[in-house]
Protein backbone atom coordinates (compact mmCIF):
# COMPACT_ATOMS: atom_id res chain seq x y z
CA UNK A 1 4.87 -28.38 34.52
CA UNK A 2 6.40 -28.43 31.25
CA UNK A 3 4.12 -26.53 28.31
CA UNK A 4 3.53 -29.10 25.89
CA UNK A 5 3.21 -27.35 21.97
CA UNK A 6 1.67 -29.20 19.17
CA UNK A 7 -0.06 -29.53 16.40
CA UNK A 8 -3.37 -27.90 17.80
CA UNK A 9 -1.61 -25.88 19.96
CA UNK A 10 0.11 -23.84 17.14
CA UNK A 11 -3.08 -24.38 14.71
CA UNK A 12 -5.41 -22.38 17.82
CA UNK A 13 -1.64 -19.52 17.84
CA UNK A 14 -2.21 -19.51 14.13
CA UNK A 15 -6.01 -18.79 14.12
CA UNK A 16 -6.08 -16.68 16.96
CA UNK A 17 -2.81 -14.34 15.12
CA UNK A 18 -5.45 -14.82 12.14
CA UNK A 19 -8.80 -13.42 13.39
CA UNK A 20 -6.82 -10.38 14.84
CA UNK A 21 -5.19 -9.65 11.56
CA UNK A 22 -8.61 -10.33 10.44
CA UNK A 23 -9.93 -7.15 13.16
CA UNK A 24 -7.86 -5.11 12.02
CA UNK A 25 -8.27 -5.09 8.50
CA UNK A 26 -11.61 -5.67 8.96
CA UNK A 27 -13.88 -8.09 6.85
CA UNK A 28 -14.56 -7.41 2.82
CA UNK A 29 -18.44 -7.46 3.90
CA UNK A 30 -17.84 -3.83 5.50
CA UNK A 31 -19.88 -0.41 4.52
CA UNK A 32 -18.08 2.35 3.00
CA UNK A 33 -18.18 5.04 1.39
CA UNK A 34 -16.11 4.90 -1.88
CA UNK A 35 -14.29 8.41 -1.67
CA UNK A 36 -11.77 8.14 -4.63
CA UNK A 37 -11.48 5.34 -7.44
CA UNK A 38 -7.92 5.19 -9.30
CA UNK A 39 -5.30 2.65 -11.12
CA UNK A 40 -1.99 1.98 -10.65
CA UNK A 41 1.03 -0.28 -11.77
CA UNK A 42 1.96 -3.33 -9.87
CA UNK A 43 5.61 -2.48 -8.10
CA UNK A 44 6.75 -4.83 -11.22
CA UNK A 45 5.49 -2.21 -13.59
CA UNK A 46 4.25 -4.68 -15.73
CA UNK A 47 0.05 -4.55 -14.68
CA UNK A 48 -2.28 -2.58 -13.53
CA UNK A 49 -4.02 -2.17 -10.31
CA UNK A 50 -7.31 -0.73 -9.64
CA UNK A 51 -8.34 0.42 -6.01
CA UNK A 52 -10.56 2.33 -4.31
CA UNK A 53 -9.33 4.75 -0.88
CA UNK A 54 -13.12 5.34 1.39
CA UNK A 55 -14.54 5.92 4.74
CA UNK A 56 -16.32 3.90 7.01
CA UNK A 57 -19.19 4.86 9.22
CA UNK A 58 -16.60 5.62 12.03
CA UNK A 59 -14.85 8.25 9.67
CA UNK A 60 -11.87 5.60 9.25
CA UNK A 61 -9.79 5.53 6.12
CA UNK A 62 -10.03 2.41 4.16
CA UNK A 63 -7.92 1.04 1.06
CA UNK A 64 -8.60 -1.96 -0.78
CA UNK A 65 -7.30 -3.30 -4.03
CA UNK A 66 -10.19 -4.14 -6.70
CA UNK A 67 -8.54 -5.03 -9.58
CA UNK A 68 -5.54 -6.58 -11.40
CA UNK A 69 -4.70 -6.20 -14.81
CA UNK A 70 -2.19 -9.51 -14.37
CA UNK A 71 -4.41 -11.69 -13.24
CA UNK A 72 -3.26 -13.09 -10.00
CA UNK A 73 -5.12 -13.70 -7.38
CA UNK A 74 -5.91 -11.00 -4.30
CA UNK A 75 -7.84 -9.63 -1.31
CA UNK A 76 -10.60 -7.41 -1.98
CA UNK A 77 -11.26 -6.80 2.10
CA UNK A 78 -10.44 -3.13 2.93
CA UNK A 79 -7.99 -2.06 5.24
CA UNK A 80 -8.25 0.88 7.57
CA UNK A 81 -5.39 3.00 6.52
CA UNK A 82 -4.77 3.85 10.44
CA UNK A 83 -3.36 -0.01 10.51
CA UNK A 84 -1.07 0.20 7.83
CA UNK A 85 0.10 3.70 8.87
CA UNK A 86 0.70 1.51 13.18
CA UNK A 87 3.02 -0.83 10.79
CA UNK A 88 4.91 1.89 9.06
CA UNK A 89 5.19 2.99 12.58
CA UNK A 90 6.72 -0.58 13.86
CA UNK A 91 10.04 0.06 11.43
CA UNK A 92 12.42 2.84 12.78
CA UNK A 93 12.12 6.18 12.14
CA UNK A 94 14.33 7.20 8.95
CA UNK A 95 15.39 3.78 7.69
CA UNK A 96 14.12 2.51 4.79
CA UNK A 97 11.46 0.30 4.71
CA UNK A 98 9.72 -2.88 2.68
CA UNK A 99 6.06 -4.05 2.42
CA UNK A 100 7.01 -7.19 4.84
CA UNK A 101 5.88 -4.43 7.09
CA UNK A 102 2.00 -5.32 6.51
CA UNK A 103 2.26 -9.05 6.51
CA UNK A 104 0.74 -8.73 9.42
CA UNK A 105 -2.71 -7.26 8.21
CA UNK A 106 -2.98 -10.11 5.92
CA UNK A 107 -2.51 -13.39 7.54
CA UNK A 108 -4.85 -15.93 5.46
CA UNK A 109 -4.51 -13.55 1.92
CA UNK A 110 -3.03 -14.06 -1.26
CA UNK A 111 0.53 -12.57 -0.30
CA UNK A 112 -0.21 -10.71 -3.80
CA UNK A 113 -2.12 -8.49 -1.27
CA UNK A 114 0.34 -6.81 0.35
CA UNK A 115 2.73 -6.03 -2.57
CA UNK A 116 -0.59 -4.82 -4.08
CA UNK A 117 -1.61 -2.26 -1.38
CA UNK A 118 1.67 -0.84 -1.12
CA UNK A 119 1.94 -0.05 -4.83
CA UNK A 120 -0.78 1.90 -3.85
CA UNK A 121 0.56 3.61 -0.88
CA UNK A 122 3.59 4.27 -3.58
CA UNK A 123 0.89 5.91 -5.93
CA UNK A 124 -0.62 7.98 -3.26
CA UNK A 125 3.13 9.46 -1.56
CA UNK A 126 2.75 7.24 1.19
CA UNK A 127 5.79 6.47 0.42
CA UNK A 128 8.67 6.98 -2.44
CA UNK A 129 11.25 4.70 -3.55
CA UNK A 130 14.58 4.76 -1.31
CA UNK A 131 18.29 5.56 -2.51
CA UNK A 132 18.57 2.02 -0.98
CA UNK A 133 17.85 -0.54 -4.15
CA UNK A 134 14.04 -2.06 -3.38
CA UNK A 135 13.22 -0.48 -0.49
CA UNK A 136 11.12 2.95 0.36
CA UNK A 137 10.99 5.71 2.41
CA UNK A 138 8.59 6.49 4.57
CA UNK A 139 6.69 10.68 4.35
CA UNK A 140 3.90 11.70 5.79
CA UNK A 141 0.81 10.86 5.01
CA UNK A 142 -0.51 15.18 5.48
CA UNK A 143 -0.82 15.53 1.52
CA UNK A 144 -2.99 12.29 1.32
CA UNK A 145 -5.22 12.55 4.54
CA UNK A 146 -5.89 16.40 3.86
CA UNK A 147 -6.78 15.01 0.21
CA UNK A 148 -9.02 12.13 1.96
CA UNK A 149 -10.53 15.17 4.16
CA UNK A 150 -11.46 16.92 0.78
CA UNK A 151 -13.05 14.45 -0.79
CA UNK A 152 -14.87 13.41 2.26
CA UNK A 153 -16.13 17.32 1.99
CA UNK A 154 -17.65 16.66 -1.35
CA UNK A 155 -14.95 18.21 -3.25
CA UNK A 156 -13.93 16.74 -6.43
CA UNK A 157 -10.00 15.48 -7.07
CA UNK A 158 -8.90 17.29 -8.98
CA UNK A 159 -10.32 20.03 -6.67
CA UNK A 160 -8.58 17.61 -3.50
CA UNK A 161 -5.39 17.87 -4.78
CA UNK A 162 -4.95 15.13 -6.31
CA UNK A 163 -0.81 13.80 -7.86
CA UNK A 164 -0.76 13.96 -11.32
CA UNK A 165 2.91 11.92 -11.09
CA UNK A 166 4.46 9.92 -8.03
CA UNK A 167 7.99 9.92 -9.63
CA UNK A 168 10.72 12.16 -7.81
CA UNK A 169 12.02 15.23 -9.59
CA UNK A 170 15.52 13.50 -9.84
CA UNK A 171 14.11 10.72 -11.91
CA UNK A 172 12.40 13.28 -14.26
CA UNK A 173 15.22 15.46 -14.61
CA UNK A 174 17.33 12.33 -15.27
CA UNK A 175 14.92 10.99 -17.48
CA UNK A 176 16.22 13.84 -20.06
CA UNK A 177 19.36 13.59 -19.61
CA UNK A 178 20.85 12.22 -22.78
CA UNK A 179 21.85 8.58 -23.39
CA UNK A 180 25.73 7.92 -23.02
CA UNK A 181 27.17 5.73 -26.12
CA UNK A 182 29.53 3.28 -25.48
CA UNK A 183 33.08 4.37 -26.19
CA UNK A 184 33.53 1.37 -28.50
CA UNK A 185 30.41 1.76 -30.42
CA UNK A 186 32.41 5.10 -32.17
CA UNK A 187 33.83 4.16 -35.55
């Protein structure tokens, strides 16, 4: 017997994938206690994003974007951090990664959401810029999870170890180097 795949079958498969992604990232209406509100730059560095880190009744860490200074659309639904970690774990260890890994978590919503959540991960130190152009290296989330645990226990963000800057030390050092001049400019 031959299996016939038509538009209805494809639509059913797509809807099933969307419902699986919706289960993973949980609907916007879930009850969450906000532990931290923050801002970060989008990946292009042109606009400021507002985000929140929270926890649900089961103690699961949640993230979501709440504001985009650039005016683009995005989903403000919460996503479980463990789902983000599972998506990152699908990539080979030690290899640079991109936000593409998060796409399955955000099917059916604005694709801006993936990049915006990635910017939050960058701000929180879960990913850092890689030496490979337009890629990122994963960082063990122990410091992030320790900060969240401290916030859950009622410690303030500064006491919980909030990071002042996420730029690698090498970037700071290179920013302080004198600017080179073109030899042709000297007269």
